[in-house]
Amino acid sequence: MFAVPIAAAYTAVLTFKEDPPVRVFIFVAIAVIIGSLFSALFFLVKDRNDSDRMLRALTLRIGLSILLFIILGICFHLGYLPLKD
């Protein structure tokens, strides 16, 4: 339906001009979110009793995802993530 691949669409919208700390923060935050997801998977497989470690890991992942979304919105509003001209 769309002729532009998703990866090309993201690179067309967001550019990191001279602000690599924002880029590093985003990549670290995504890595922590993915790590929390895999730790929840690990707890799902290993904990056979009524442990709530998986629930805590998934709650942490959701909280970090919402926080990252809010921080990205603030960075976009302040001009750290400008639209590509």
Protein backbone atom coordinates (compact mmCIF):
# COMPACT_ATOMS: atom_id res chain seq x y z
CA MET A 1 0.00 0.00 0.00
CA PHE A 2 2.77 2.45 0.93
CA ALA A 3 5.73 2.74 -1.41
CA VAL A 4 8.16 3.96 1.28
CA PRO A 5 9.64 1.27 3.53
CA ILE A 6 9.22 1.81 7.26
CA ALA A 7 12.96 2.23 7.91
CA ALA A 8 13.21 4.90 5.22
CA ALA A 9 10.21 6.69 6.68
CA TYR A 10 11.83 6.87 10.11
CA THR A 11 15.10 8.21 8.73
CA ALA A 12 13.19 10.77 6.67
CA VAL A 13 11.33 12.09 9.70
CA LEU A 14 13.95 12.12 12.44
CA THR A 15 17.52 13.32 12.08
CA PHE A 16 20.11 13.60 14.79
CA LYS A 17 22.12 16.57 13.59
CA GLU A 18 24.77 17.34 16.18
CA ASP A 19 23.26 15.82 19.28
CA PRO A 20 24.62 12.29 19.79
CA PRO A 21 23.71 12.20 23.53
CA VAL A 22 20.04 12.09 22.57
CA ARG A 23 20.77 9.24 20.16
CA VAL A 24 22.75 7.35 22.79
CA PHE A 25 20.00 7.87 25.37
CA ILE A 26 17.36 6.53 22.98
CA PHE A 27 19.40 3.44 22.11
CA VAL A 28 20.19 2.73 25.77
CA ALA A 29 16.54 3.16 26.75
CA ILE A 30 15.40 0.79 24.00
CA ALA A 31 18.05 -1.75 25.06
CA VAL A 32 16.84 -1.58 28.69
CA ILE A 33 13.22 -2.01 27.56
CA ILE A 34 14.13 -5.06 25.47
CA GLY A 35 16.22 -6.44 28.36
CA SER A 36 13.25 -6.09 30.67
CA LEU A 37 11.08 -7.93 28.16
CA PHE A 38 13.55 -10.82 27.99
CA SER A 39 13.87 -10.95 31.77
CA ALA A 40 10.07 -11.29 31.96
CA LEU A 41 10.29 -14.14 29.46
CA PHE A 42 13.00 -15.77 31.59
CA PHE A 43 10.87 -15.47 34.73
CA LEU A 44 7.88 -16.90 32.84
CA VAL A 45 9.86 -20.00 31.89
CA LYS A 46 11.82 -20.51 35.12
CA ASP A 47 9.29 -19.58 37.82
CA ARG A 48 6.72 -22.33 38.08
CA ASN A 49 5.23 -21.13 41.37
CA ASP A 50 3.21 -17.99 42.08
CA SER A 51 6.10 -15.54 41.76
CA ASP A 52 5.40 -11.99 40.70
CA ARG A 53 8.83 -11.31 39.20
CA MET A 54 7.44 -11.55 35.67
CA LEU A 55 4.72 -9.03 36.54
CA ARG A 56 7.31 -6.62 37.95
CA ALA A 57 9.51 -6.96 34.83
CA LEU A 58 6.57 -6.28 32.52
CA THR A 59 5.44 -3.34 34.66
CA LEU A 60 8.95 -1.91 34.47
CA ARG A 61 8.95 -2.34 30.69
CA ILE A 62 5.63 -0.52 30.32
CA GLY A 63 6.77 2.29 32.62
CA LEU A 64 10.04 2.71 30.72
CA SER A 65 8.23 2.71 27.38
CA ILE A 66 5.83 5.44 28.52
CA LEU A 67 8.72 7.46 29.96
CA LEU A 68 10.68 7.13 26.70
CA PHE A 69 7.63 8.25 24.73
CA ILE A 70 7.23 11.33 26.94
CA ILE A 71 10.94 12.18 26.73
CA LEU A 72 10.88 11.81 22.94
CA GLY A 73 7.91 14.18 22.77
CA ILE A 74 9.72 16.75 24.92
CA CYS A 75 12.90 16.43 22.83
CA PHE A 76 10.90 16.85 19.65
CA HIS A 77 9.11 19.89 21.06
CA LEU A 78 12.39 21.51 22.18
CA GLY A 79 14.01 20.93 18.79
CA TYR A 80 16.46 18.15 19.68
CA LEU A 81 14.72 15.91 17.14
CA PRO A 82 13.89 18.22 14.23
CA LEU A 83 12.06 17.26 11.06
CA LYS A 84 14.31 16.65 8.11
CA ASP A 85 14.20 19.50 5.60
